[in-house]
Amino acid sequence: MIIRWQDWINVLLGCWLVVSPWEMEYSLNGAATANACGLGGVLLVFNLISACRLLDQGQEIFNILLGTWLILSPYSLTFATEREPSINAIVVGTMIVALASWQIYDATKSEKG
């Protein structure tokens, strides 16, 4: 069984997204709060399943899609003018995409060697 630390970092990022509206004090923005809590919950559950190896295929692509949505969501959900929720979504989304890309790179590297 291969333990991938990236899955556990994504679990922590999911937890952060769920609590971030209150920690960063933007919970009054309904769109930003729903986006952070909803995606955080999905990220948390999906990556727990992946980290426990109950599902071991496709999680990287799913994480890239979630991360990309987080990066684009301030503009799509029109909260880009608010600093805290925008920065939070963009930074966390970028981290999720980077971790998933790292996992794909590791998987292709280990298949070749």
N, C-alpha and C. Protein backbone atom coordinates (compact mmCIF):
# COMPACT_ATOMS: atom_id res chain seq x y z
N MET A 1 0.84 -1.19 0.00
CA MET A 1 0.00 0.00 0.00
C MET A 1 0.88 1.25 0.00
N ILE A 2 0.64 2.14 -0.94
CA ILE A 2 1.40 3.37 -1.06
C ILE A 2 0.66 4.46 -0.29
N ILE A 3 1.36 5.06 0.65
CA ILE A 3 0.76 6.18 1.39
C ILE A 3 1.22 7.47 0.73
N ARG A 4 0.27 8.23 0.24
CA ARG A 4 0.59 9.49 -0.41
C ARG A 4 0.23 10.63 0.52
N TRP A 5 1.25 11.35 0.93
CA TRP A 5 1.05 12.45 1.87
C TRP A 5 0.19 13.56 1.27
N GLN A 6 0.17 13.66 -0.07
CA GLN A 6 -0.64 14.71 -0.70
C GLN A 6 -2.12 14.55 -0.38
N ASP A 7 -2.59 13.31 -0.25
CA ASP A 7 -3.99 13.08 0.10
C ASP A 7 -4.31 13.68 1.47
N TRP A 8 -3.40 13.51 2.41
CA TRP A 8 -3.62 14.03 3.77
C TRP A 8 -3.55 15.56 3.80
N ILE A 9 -2.70 16.15 2.99
CA ILE A 9 -2.66 17.62 2.89
C ILE A 9 -3.98 18.12 2.32
N ASN A 10 -4.53 17.43 1.33
CA ASN A 10 -5.83 17.81 0.78
C ASN A 10 -6.94 17.68 1.81
N VAL A 11 -6.86 16.68 2.68
CA VAL A 11 -7.84 16.55 3.78
C VAL A 11 -7.75 17.79 4.67
N LEU A 12 -6.54 18.21 5.01
CA LEU A 12 -6.37 19.41 5.84
C LEU A 12 -6.86 20.66 5.12
N LEU A 13 -6.61 20.75 3.81
CA LEU A 13 -7.11 21.89 3.05
C LEU A 13 -8.64 21.91 3.02
N GLY A 14 -9.26 20.74 2.94
CA GLY A 14 -10.72 20.65 3.01
C GLY A 14 -11.24 21.15 4.34
N CYS A 15 -10.57 20.74 5.43
CA CYS A 15 -10.96 21.22 6.77
C CYS A 15 -10.82 22.74 6.85
N TRP A 16 -9.72 23.25 6.31
CA TRP A 16 -9.51 24.69 6.32
C TRP A 16 -10.62 25.42 5.56
N LEU A 17 -10.98 24.90 4.38
CA LEU A 17 -12.03 25.56 3.61
C LEU A 17 -13.35 25.63 4.37
N VAL A 18 -13.66 24.56 5.12
CA VAL A 18 -14.92 24.53 5.87
C VAL A 18 -14.95 25.60 6.96
N VAL A 19 -13.84 25.83 7.62
CA VAL A 19 -13.83 26.80 8.74
C VAL A 19 -13.36 28.19 8.32
N SER A 20 -12.78 28.33 7.14
CA SER A 20 -12.19 29.60 6.74
C SER A 20 -13.15 30.80 6.70
N PRO A 21 -14.42 30.64 6.34
CA PRO A 21 -15.28 31.84 6.34
C PRO A 21 -15.38 32.50 7.71
N TRP A 22 -15.32 31.72 8.75
CA TRP A 22 -15.42 32.27 10.10
C TRP A 22 -14.06 32.70 10.62
N GLU A 23 -13.02 31.98 10.27
CA GLU A 23 -11.67 32.35 10.69
C GLU A 23 -11.19 33.62 9.99
N MET A 24 -11.58 33.78 8.75
CA MET A 24 -11.15 34.95 7.98
C MET A 24 -12.23 36.04 7.96
N GLU A 25 -13.33 35.79 8.65
CA GLU A 25 -14.41 36.76 8.85
C GLU A 25 -15.06 37.23 7.55
N TYR A 26 -15.40 36.27 6.69
CA TYR A 26 -16.18 36.62 5.50
C TYR A 26 -17.45 35.79 5.42
N SER A 27 -17.91 35.31 6.55
CA SER A 27 -19.08 34.42 6.57
C SER A 27 -20.38 35.12 6.16
N LEU A 28 -20.40 36.44 6.16
CA LEU A 28 -21.60 37.16 5.74
C LEU A 28 -21.77 37.16 4.22
N ASN A 29 -20.73 36.81 3.51
CA ASN A 29 -20.82 36.69 2.05
C ASN A 29 -21.32 35.29 1.75
N GLY A 30 -22.58 35.17 1.41
CA GLY A 30 -23.23 33.88 1.21
C GLY A 30 -22.59 33.03 0.13
N ALA A 31 -22.26 33.64 -1.01
CA ALA A 31 -21.68 32.87 -2.12
C ALA A 31 -20.31 32.33 -1.76
N ALA A 32 -19.47 33.18 -1.17
CA ALA A 32 -18.12 32.76 -0.80
C ALA A 32 -18.15 31.70 0.30
N THR A 33 -19.05 31.86 1.26
CA THR A 33 -19.16 30.89 2.35
C THR A 33 -19.68 29.55 1.85
N ALA A 34 -20.72 29.56 1.04
CA ALA A 34 -21.25 28.31 0.49
C ALA A 34 -20.22 27.62 -0.38
N ASN A 35 -19.50 28.38 -1.17
CA ASN A 35 -18.46 27.83 -2.03
C ASN A 35 -17.37 27.16 -1.19
N ALA A 36 -16.87 27.87 -0.19
CA ALA A 36 -15.78 27.33 0.64
C ALA A 36 -16.25 26.11 1.43
N CYS A 37 -17.40 26.19 2.06
CA CYS A 37 -17.89 25.07 2.86
C CYS A 37 -18.26 23.86 2.00
N GLY A 38 -18.93 24.10 0.89
CA GLY A 38 -19.32 23.01 0.00
C GLY A 38 -18.12 22.29 -0.59
N LEU A 39 -17.21 23.05 -1.18
CA LEU A 39 -16.03 22.44 -1.77
C LEU A 39 -15.12 21.85 -0.71
N GLY A 40 -15.04 22.50 0.44
CA GLY A 40 -14.24 21.96 1.53
C GLY A 40 -14.75 20.61 1.99
N GLY A 41 -16.07 20.49 2.11
CA GLY A 41 -16.66 19.22 2.52
C GLY A 41 -16.42 18.13 1.50
N VAL A 42 -16.58 18.46 0.22
CA VAL A 42 -16.34 17.48 -0.85
C VAL A 42 -14.86 17.08 -0.87
N LEU A 43 -13.98 18.04 -0.77
CA LEU A 43 -12.54 17.77 -0.76
C LEU A 43 -12.16 16.90 0.43
N LEU A 44 -12.70 17.21 1.58
CA LEU A 44 -12.42 16.46 2.80
C LEU A 44 -12.86 15.00 2.66
N VAL A 45 -14.11 14.78 2.30
CA VAL A 45 -14.63 13.42 2.20
C VAL A 45 -13.92 12.63 1.09
N PHE A 46 -13.80 13.22 -0.08
CA PHE A 46 -13.20 12.51 -1.21
C PHE A 46 -11.75 12.13 -0.93
N ASN A 47 -10.99 13.04 -0.32
CA ASN A 47 -9.59 12.73 -0.06
C ASN A 47 -9.40 11.83 1.15
N LEU A 48 -10.34 11.81 2.07
CA LEU A 48 -10.30 10.79 3.12
C LEU A 48 -10.50 9.40 2.52
N ILE A 49 -11.44 9.31 1.62
CA ILE A 49 -11.67 8.03 0.92
C ILE A 49 -10.41 7.63 0.15
N SER A 50 -9.80 8.58 -0.51
CA SER A 50 -8.59 8.30 -1.27
C SER A 50 -7.41 7.95 -0.36
N ALA A 51 -7.25 8.68 0.74
CA ALA A 51 -6.14 8.44 1.66
C ALA A 51 -6.25 7.07 2.32
N CYS A 52 -7.45 6.62 2.56
CA CYS A 52 -7.68 5.30 3.16
C CYS A 52 -7.69 4.20 2.11
N ARG A 53 -7.46 4.58 0.85
CA ARG A 53 -7.38 3.65 -0.27
C ARG A 53 -8.67 2.89 -0.53
N LEU A 54 -9.80 3.51 -0.25
CA LEU A 54 -11.08 2.91 -0.60
C LEU A 54 -11.37 3.15 -2.08
N LEU A 55 -10.78 4.20 -2.62
CA LEU A 55 -10.88 4.52 -4.04
C LEU A 55 -9.50 4.98 -4.48
N ASP A 56 -8.96 4.39 -5.50
CA ASP A 56 -7.58 4.70 -5.87
C ASP A 56 -7.43 5.05 -7.34
N GLN A 57 -8.47 5.56 -7.96
CA GLN A 57 -8.37 5.96 -9.35
C GLN A 57 -9.12 7.25 -9.58
N GLY A 58 -8.49 8.13 -10.30
CA GLY A 58 -9.16 9.35 -10.72
C GLY A 58 -9.18 10.49 -9.73
N GLN A 59 -8.64 10.31 -8.53
CA GLN A 59 -8.74 11.37 -7.54
C GLN A 59 -7.92 12.60 -7.94
N GLU A 60 -6.83 12.39 -8.66
CA GLU A 60 -6.01 13.54 -9.06
C GLU A 60 -6.78 14.44 -10.03
N ILE A 61 -7.45 13.84 -11.01
CA ILE A 61 -8.23 14.62 -11.98
C ILE A 61 -9.36 15.35 -11.27
N PHE A 62 -10.03 14.66 -10.34
CA PHE A 62 -11.10 15.28 -9.57
C PHE A 62 -10.56 16.46 -8.77
N ASN A 63 -9.40 16.29 -8.14
CA ASN A 63 -8.81 17.38 -7.37
C ASN A 63 -8.41 18.55 -8.27
N ILE A 64 -7.91 18.25 -9.45
CA ILE A 64 -7.57 19.33 -10.39
C ILE A 64 -8.83 20.11 -10.77
N LEU A 65 -9.93 19.42 -11.00
CA LEU A 65 -11.19 20.10 -11.31
C LEU A 65 -11.67 20.96 -10.14
N LEU A 66 -11.60 20.40 -8.92
CA LEU A 66 -12.00 21.18 -7.73
C LEU A 66 -11.10 22.40 -7.55
N GLY A 67 -9.81 22.20 -7.69
CA GLY A 67 -8.87 23.31 -7.54
C GLY A 67 -9.08 24.39 -8.58
N THR A 68 -9.31 23.97 -9.81
CA THR A 68 -9.56 24.93 -10.89
C THR A 68 -10.83 25.72 -10.62
N TRP A 69 -11.87 25.04 -10.15
CA TRP A 69 -13.10 25.76 -9.81
C TRP A 69 -12.83 26.77 -8.70
N LEU A 70 -12.07 26.38 -7.68
CA LEU A 70 -11.76 27.31 -6.59
C LEU A 70 -11.04 28.55 -7.12
N ILE A 71 -10.10 28.35 -8.03
CA ILE A 71 -9.35 29.47 -8.59
C ILE A 71 -10.27 30.41 -9.37
N LEU A 72 -11.22 29.85 -10.11
CA LEU A 72 -12.12 30.66 -10.94
C LEU A 72 -13.35 31.18 -10.19
N SER A 73 -13.67 30.57 -9.06
CA SER A 73 -14.92 30.89 -8.36
C SER A 73 -15.08 32.34 -7.92
N PRO A 74 -14.03 33.05 -7.49
CA PRO A 74 -14.28 34.46 -7.13
C PRO A 74 -14.84 35.27 -8.30
N TYR A 75 -14.44 34.92 -9.51
CA TYR A 75 -14.91 35.65 -10.69
C TYR A 75 -16.27 35.14 -11.14
N SER A 76 -16.48 33.84 -11.04
CA SER A 76 -17.75 33.24 -11.45
C SER A 76 -18.88 33.59 -10.49
N LEU A 77 -18.56 33.62 -9.21
CA LEU A 77 -19.58 33.88 -8.19
C LEU A 77 -19.59 35.34 -7.73
N THR A 78 -18.86 36.17 -8.41
CA THR A 78 -18.79 37.62 -8.21
C THR A 78 -18.43 38.06 -6.79
N PHE A 79 -17.43 37.40 -6.19
CA PHE A 79 -16.89 37.92 -4.94
C PHE A 79 -15.41 38.26 -5.09
N ALA A 80 -14.98 38.49 -6.33
CA ALA A 80 -13.58 38.81 -6.61
C ALA A 80 -13.15 40.14 -6.02
N THR A 81 -14.10 41.02 -5.76
CA THR A 81 -13.74 42.32 -5.20
C THR A 81 -13.49 42.25 -3.69
N GLU A 82 -13.83 41.14 -3.08
CA GLU A 82 -13.58 40.98 -1.64
C GLU A 82 -12.27 40.23 -1.44
N ARG A 83 -11.36 40.87 -0.76
CA ARG A 83 -9.98 40.40 -0.66
C ARG A 83 -9.84 39.03 0.00
N GLU A 84 -10.36 38.84 1.21
CA GLU A 84 -10.13 37.61 1.96
C GLU A 84 -10.67 36.35 1.28
N PRO A 85 -11.96 36.34 0.89
CA PRO A 85 -12.44 35.11 0.26
C PRO A 85 -11.79 34.84 -1.09
N SER A 86 -11.44 35.89 -1.82
CA SER A 86 -10.80 35.69 -3.13
C SER A 86 -9.41 35.10 -2.98
N ILE A 87 -8.61 35.68 -2.10
CA ILE A 87 -7.26 35.17 -1.88
C ILE A 87 -7.31 33.75 -1.36
N ASN A 88 -8.21 33.48 -0.43
CA ASN A 88 -8.34 32.14 0.13
C ASN A 88 -8.67 31.12 -0.96
N ALA A 89 -9.65 31.42 -1.79
CA ALA A 89 -10.05 30.50 -2.85
C ALA A 89 -8.93 30.28 -3.85
N ILE A 90 -8.27 31.34 -4.26
CA ILE A 90 -7.21 31.23 -5.26
C ILE A 90 -6.00 30.47 -4.72
N VAL A 91 -5.58 30.78 -3.50
CA VAL A 91 -4.41 30.12 -2.92
C VAL A 91 -4.68 28.65 -2.66
N VAL A 92 -5.82 28.34 -2.04
CA VAL A 92 -6.14 26.94 -1.75
C VAL A 92 -6.34 26.16 -3.06
N GLY A 93 -7.01 26.76 -4.03
CA GLY A 93 -7.19 26.10 -5.32
C GLY A 93 -5.86 25.81 -6.01
N THR A 94 -4.95 26.75 -5.95
CA THR A 94 -3.62 26.55 -6.54
C THR A 94 -2.87 25.43 -5.83
N MET A 95 -2.99 25.37 -4.51
CA MET A 95 -2.34 24.29 -3.75
C MET A 95 -2.91 22.93 -4.12
N ILE A 96 -4.22 22.86 -4.28
CA ILE A 96 -4.88 21.59 -4.64
C ILE A 96 -4.42 21.13 -6.02
N VAL A 97 -4.38 22.05 -6.99
CA VAL A 97 -3.93 21.70 -8.34
C VAL A 97 -2.47 21.26 -8.31
N ALA A 98 -1.63 21.97 -7.56
CA ALA A 98 -0.21 21.62 -7.48
C ALA A 98 -0.02 20.23 -6.86
N LEU A 99 -0.75 19.93 -5.79
CA LEU A 99 -0.62 18.62 -5.15
C LEU A 99 -1.09 17.50 -6.09
N ALA A 100 -2.17 17.73 -6.79
CA ALA A 100 -2.67 16.71 -7.73
C ALA A 100 -1.68 16.52 -8.89
N SER A 101 -1.11 17.60 -9.36
CA SER A 101 -0.12 17.49 -10.43
C SER A 101 1.11 16.73 -9.96
N TRP A 102 1.50 16.97 -8.72
CA TRP A 102 2.63 16.26 -8.13
C TRP A 102 2.34 14.76 -8.06
N GLN A 103 1.11 14.41 -7.66
CA GLN A 103 0.74 13.00 -7.60
C GLN A 103 0.78 12.36 -8.98
N ILE A 104 0.31 13.06 -9.99
CA ILE A 104 0.35 12.53 -11.36
C ILE A 104 1.79 12.35 -11.80
N TYR A 105 2.63 13.34 -11.52
CA TYR A 105 4.04 13.25 -11.87
C TYR A 105 4.69 12.05 -11.18
N ASP A 106 4.45 11.87 -9.88
CA ASP A 106 4.99 10.72 -9.14
C ASP A 106 4.52 9.40 -9.74
N ALA A 107 3.26 9.33 -10.10
CA ALA A 107 2.71 8.09 -10.65
C ALA A 107 3.34 7.74 -12.00
N THR A 108 3.52 8.75 -12.85
CA THR A 108 4.13 8.48 -14.16
C THR A 108 5.61 8.18 -14.02
N LYS A 109 6.26 8.81 -13.06
CA LYS A 109 7.69 8.56 -12.83
C LYS A 109 7.93 7.13 -12.33
N SER A 110 7.06 6.67 -11.42
CA SER A 110 7.24 5.32 -10.87
C SER A 110 6.87 4.24 -11.91
N GLU A 111 5.99 4.56 -12.84
CA GLU A 111 5.64 3.60 -13.90
C GLU A 111 6.80 3.41 -14.87
N LYS A 112 7.57 4.48 -15.12
CA LYS A 112 8.68 4.41 -16.05
C LYS A 112 9.90 3.72 -15.43
N GLY A 113 10.10 3.95 -14.14
CA GLY A 113 11.31 3.44 -13.50
C GLY A 113 11.03 2.32 -12.66
